[in-house]
Amino acid sequence: MLKHIIREVAPEFCDFSDYFDGDTFTEASGDYCNTLFIISNEGWGRLEGYNIDEYKRVRDQAEEIMEGFTDVADGITDYDGHRITYKAIMEDAGISYNPHKCHSLRQWHAQHDETDPEAIAAYLTITTGKRWTTTRARGYSQGDVVDVVYCPEHTSTSSAQAAGEVWMGAAAEYCVIDIEDDGSEGETVYGYIVADCQAWRDEDIKRIVCEWADIDPEETRLEMIESTITRTEYKYRIA
């Protein structure tokens, strides 16, 4: 018996903004390591993306460490003529000092000469004590690509990849319609967003949306957009 319909939403009416509403991918979730960074390099030093203000703060802090540690290695002195120390650089950057963290940052400094996403992931691994890594997601147009920086202990690689694709618009939205006893369409719930990397085949789309909506696949029909028709009709007046 048909109880539900999963229907694809026309692309021009899709709204992916809800995907990033709430605290799921931010520090407000209760743990900083839930933060997901989606970074689009627009050229000329311009960065856009998701959680981009926090990403820029982390990058600026990392650059301060990188430049400061270079000064220490070069024997630069302060205004009083004393040699700058690694501890002073860390504390000035707002990072609590301990020998192990300092040693890790010195190794990081030796391995990276710029603060690209991979370097930032390695930097966050040191400062948070949990491993961070990166992945990439692409849109539909050539050159549409973003870097995603995330903590795999808190966000799976597949979830990070999906978030990046949704940000780039490489996804589709579906609604779930309840069927009334008389066969008419009842309550409709929108916002089931499936990234391309999560499902391509119809059966996979149906399975994943049924899981999210907690409905029985055997009682559900999937309706996908197969084609569109635009018609112009002229009506004439008689004079």
Protein backbone atom coordinates (compact mmCIF):
# COMPACT_ATOMS: atom_id res chain seq x y z
CA MET A 1 0.00 0.00 0.00
CA LEU A 2 1.36 3.40 -0.97
CA LYS A 3 1.78 5.64 2.07
CA HIS A 4 4.52 8.05 1.01
CA ILE A 5 5.97 9.71 -2.07
CA ILE A 6 9.54 10.94 -2.33
CA ARG A 7 9.49 13.64 -5.01
CA GLU A 8 12.47 15.46 -6.50
CA VAL A 9 12.28 19.23 -6.12
CA ALA A 10 12.84 21.21 -9.31
CA PRO A 11 16.40 22.65 -9.31
CA GLU A 12 15.18 26.23 -9.59
CA PHE A 13 13.23 25.80 -6.33
CA CYS A 14 15.93 24.00 -4.33
CA ASP A 15 17.14 25.71 -1.17
CA PHE A 16 20.35 24.24 0.21
CA SER A 17 20.79 26.90 2.91
CA ASP A 18 18.92 24.80 5.48
CA TYR A 19 21.69 22.20 5.24
CA PHE A 20 24.04 24.55 7.07
CA ASP A 21 21.54 26.03 9.53
CA GLY A 22 21.92 25.11 13.16
CA ASP A 23 25.01 24.14 15.11
CA THR A 24 25.96 20.79 13.54
CA PHE A 25 29.13 22.01 11.83
CA THR A 26 30.14 24.73 14.29
CA GLU A 27 31.74 25.11 17.71
CA ALA A 28 28.28 25.92 19.07
CA SER A 29 27.52 22.19 18.83
CA GLY A 30 29.48 21.79 22.05
CA ASP A 31 32.85 20.73 20.66
CA TYR A 32 35.20 22.83 18.57
CA CYS A 33 36.26 19.73 16.64
CA ASN A 34 32.77 19.51 15.12
CA THR A 35 33.67 22.63 13.15
CA LEU A 36 33.71 22.12 9.39
CA PHE A 37 35.57 24.56 7.19
CA ILE A 38 34.65 24.92 3.51
CA ILE A 39 37.14 27.15 1.74
CA SER A 40 36.90 28.65 -1.72
CA ASN A 41 40.01 30.47 -2.91
CA GLU A 42 38.75 33.34 -5.02
CA GLY A 43 42.26 34.47 -5.95
CA TRP A 44 44.31 37.48 -4.88
CA GLY A 45 44.16 36.28 -1.28
CA ARG A 46 40.36 36.39 -1.11
CA LEU A 47 38.75 33.47 0.71
CA GLU A 48 35.04 32.66 0.86
CA GLY A 49 33.18 29.72 2.30
CA TYR A 50 31.55 28.24 5.38
CA ASN A 51 32.84 29.11 8.87
CA ILE A 52 35.21 31.34 6.95
CA ASP A 53 35.68 33.96 9.69
CA GLU A 54 36.91 31.31 12.11
CA TYR A 55 39.08 29.80 9.41
CA LYS A 56 40.71 33.19 8.77
CA ARG A 57 41.32 33.59 12.51
CA VAL A 58 43.05 30.20 12.64
CA ARG A 59 45.05 30.98 9.50
CA ASP A 60 46.17 34.35 10.90
CA GLN A 61 47.26 32.66 14.13
CA ALA A 62 49.14 30.00 12.16
CA GLU A 63 50.87 32.67 10.09
CA GLU A 64 51.88 34.47 13.29
CA ILE A 65 53.44 31.25 14.57
CA MET A 66 55.13 30.60 11.23
CA GLU A 67 56.65 34.09 11.03
CA GLY A 68 57.59 34.14 14.72
CA PHE A 69 59.32 30.78 14.64
CA THR A 70 61.28 31.96 11.61
CA ASP A 71 62.42 34.98 13.64
CA VAL A 72 63.53 32.69 16.48
CA ALA A 73 65.49 30.49 14.06
CA ASP A 74 67.11 33.62 12.59
CA GLY A 75 68.15 34.87 16.04
CA ILE A 76 66.03 38.01 15.94
CA THR A 77 66.02 40.05 19.17
CA ASP A 78 63.28 42.10 20.80
CA TYR A 79 63.40 45.83 21.63
CA ASP A 80 65.44 45.10 24.76
CA GLY A 81 68.03 43.16 22.83
CA HIS A 82 66.91 39.76 24.10
CA ARG A 83 66.54 36.90 21.67
CA ILE A 84 62.90 36.03 20.89
CA THR A 85 61.83 32.64 22.24
CA TYR A 86 59.44 30.01 20.95
CA LYS A 87 57.50 30.26 24.22
CA ALA A 88 57.02 34.01 23.81
CA ILE A 89 55.83 33.58 20.23
CA MET A 90 53.27 30.96 21.26
CA GLU A 91 51.94 32.98 24.18
CA ASP A 92 51.73 36.15 22.07
CA ALA A 93 49.66 34.18 19.54
CA GLY A 94 47.30 32.99 22.30
CA ILE A 95 48.56 29.39 22.46
CA SER A 96 49.33 27.88 25.86
CA TYR A 97 52.93 26.71 26.04
CA ASN A 98 54.19 23.25 26.82
CA PRO A 99 57.37 21.58 25.52
CA HIS A 100 55.55 18.90 23.51
CA LYS A 101 53.28 21.37 21.73
CA CYS A 102 56.24 23.65 21.05
CA HIS A 103 58.22 20.77 19.56
CA SER A 104 55.25 19.81 17.36
CA LEU A 105 54.87 23.40 16.14
CA ARG A 106 58.58 23.57 15.35
CA GLN A 107 58.23 20.45 13.23
CA TRP A 108 55.12 21.89 11.57
CA HIS A 109 57.02 25.11 10.85
CA ALA A 110 59.85 23.15 9.24
CA GLN A 111 57.46 21.20 7.00
CA HIS A 112 55.26 24.05 5.74
CA ASP A 113 56.16 27.32 4.10
CA GLU A 114 52.61 28.60 3.58
CA THR A 115 49.26 28.24 5.30
CA ASP A 116 47.31 26.26 2.70
CA PRO A 117 44.40 24.04 3.85
CA GLU A 118 46.70 21.04 4.38
CA ALA A 119 48.97 23.14 6.59
CA ILE A 120 45.98 24.45 8.54
CA ALA A 121 44.72 20.89 9.10
CA ALA A 122 48.15 19.92 10.47
CA TYR A 123 48.19 23.05 12.62
CA LEU A 124 44.74 22.29 14.09
CA THR A 125 45.92 18.75 14.82
CA ILE A 126 48.58 20.25 17.10
CA THR A 127 46.48 22.96 18.73
CA THR A 128 43.37 20.85 19.39
CA GLY A 129 45.07 17.53 20.13
CA LYS A 130 42.90 15.69 17.59
CA ARG A 131 43.69 14.80 14.00
CA TRP A 132 42.39 17.07 11.25
CA THR A 133 42.56 16.42 7.53
CA THR A 134 41.26 17.75 4.21
CA THR A 135 39.20 16.68 1.23
CA ARG A 136 37.98 18.43 -1.91
CA ALA A 137 34.55 18.85 -3.45
CA ARG A 138 33.64 19.99 -6.94
CA GLY A 139 30.64 21.69 -8.49
CA TYR A 140 29.19 21.29 -11.95
CA SER A 141 31.26 23.96 -13.70
CA GLN A 142 34.91 23.64 -14.59
CA GLY A 143 37.07 25.13 -11.88
CA ASP A 144 34.35 24.99 -9.22
CA VAL A 145 36.24 23.43 -6.32
CA VAL A 146 36.43 23.90 -2.56
CA ASP A 147 38.72 22.54 0.11
CA VAL A 148 37.10 21.04 3.20
CA VAL A 149 39.02 20.95 6.49
CA TYR A 150 37.54 18.70 9.18
CA CYS A 151 38.26 16.45 12.15
CA PRO A 152 37.56 12.84 11.09
CA GLU A 153 36.93 11.79 14.69
CA HIS A 154 33.85 14.01 14.66
CA THR A 155 32.92 14.25 10.96
CA SER A 156 33.27 11.32 8.57
CA THR A 157 35.02 11.79 5.25
CA SER A 158 31.77 11.05 3.43
CA SER A 159 29.92 13.72 5.45
CA ALA A 160 32.66 16.27 4.80
CA GLN A 161 32.60 15.46 1.08
CA ALA A 162 28.82 15.72 1.00
CA ALA A 163 28.84 19.08 2.78
CA GLY A 164 31.33 20.43 0.28
CA GLU A 165 29.24 19.26 -2.67
CA VAL A 166 26.05 20.73 -1.21
CA TRP A 167 27.89 24.03 -0.72
CA MET A 168 28.84 23.89 -4.41
CA GLY A 169 25.30 22.98 -5.48
CA ALA A 170 26.24 19.45 -6.56
CA ALA A 171 23.18 17.96 -4.90
CA ALA A 172 19.43 17.54 -5.20
CA GLU A 173 16.54 18.24 -2.84
CA TYR A 174 13.60 15.93 -2.23
CA CYS A 175 10.34 16.27 -0.39
CA VAL A 176 8.41 13.52 1.37
CA ILE A 177 4.63 13.50 0.90
CA ASP A 178 2.28 11.53 3.14
CA ILE A 179 -0.62 9.85 1.34
CA GLU A 180 -4.01 10.10 3.03
CA ASP A 181 -6.42 7.17 3.33
CA ASP A 182 -8.42 8.49 0.37
CA GLY A 183 -5.29 8.54 -1.82
CA SER A 184 -4.85 12.32 -1.80
CA GLU A 185 -1.55 13.99 -1.00
CA GLY A 186 -1.28 15.20 2.57
CA GLU A 187 1.54 16.71 4.60
CA THR A 188 4.69 17.53 2.63
CA VAL A 189 8.10 17.92 4.24
CA TYR A 190 10.93 19.51 2.26
CA GLY A 191 14.64 19.70 2.94
CA TYR A 192 15.92 16.18 2.24
CA ILE A 193 19.17 17.15 0.51
CA VAL A 194 21.26 14.42 -1.11
CA ALA A 195 24.76 15.24 -2.35
CA ASP A 196 25.92 13.63 -5.57
CA CYS A 197 28.56 11.62 -3.73
CA GLN A 198 25.91 10.08 -1.46
CA ALA A 199 23.65 8.64 -4.12
CA TRP A 200 23.38 8.56 -7.90
CA ARG A 201 21.11 5.60 -8.59
CA ASP A 202 17.38 5.86 -7.98
CA GLU A 203 17.41 2.95 -5.55
CA ASP A 204 20.16 4.59 -3.48
CA ILE A 205 18.31 7.91 -3.36
CA LYS A 206 15.15 6.15 -2.24
CA ARG A 207 17.00 4.17 0.40
CA ILE A 208 18.80 7.13 1.93
CA VAL A 209 15.74 9.42 2.03
CA CYS A 210 13.64 6.63 3.54
CA GLU A 211 16.27 6.22 6.24
CA TRP A 212 16.29 9.94 7.01
CA ALA A 213 12.49 10.19 7.00
CA ASP A 214 12.08 6.92 8.91
CA ILE A 215 9.59 5.50 6.41
CA ASP A 216 9.21 2.05 4.90
CA PRO A 217 10.65 1.76 1.35
CA GLU A 218 8.01 -0.86 0.53
CA GLU A 219 5.31 1.74 1.18
CA THR A 220 7.09 4.53 -0.67
CA ARG A 221 7.34 5.65 -4.31
CA LEU A 222 10.19 7.72 -5.70
CA GLU A 223 9.34 10.34 -8.34
CA MET A 224 12.30 11.77 -10.25
CA ILE A 225 12.23 14.61 -12.76
CA GLU A 226 12.67 13.02 -16.17
CA SER A 227 12.16 16.02 -18.41
CA THR A 228 10.70 19.52 -18.47
CA ILE A 229 8.43 21.22 -20.98
CA THR A 230 8.08 24.95 -21.46
CA ARG A 231 5.16 26.05 -23.60
CA THR A 232 4.23 29.49 -24.87
CA GLU A 233 0.60 29.93 -25.83
CA TYR A 234 -0.74 33.02 -27.61
CA LYS A 235 -4.36 34.10 -27.17
CA TYR A 236 -5.78 36.50 -29.73
CA ARG A 237 -8.51 39.09 -29.48
CA ILE A 238 -10.85 39.62 -32.35
CA ALA A 239 -11.14 43.18 -33.68
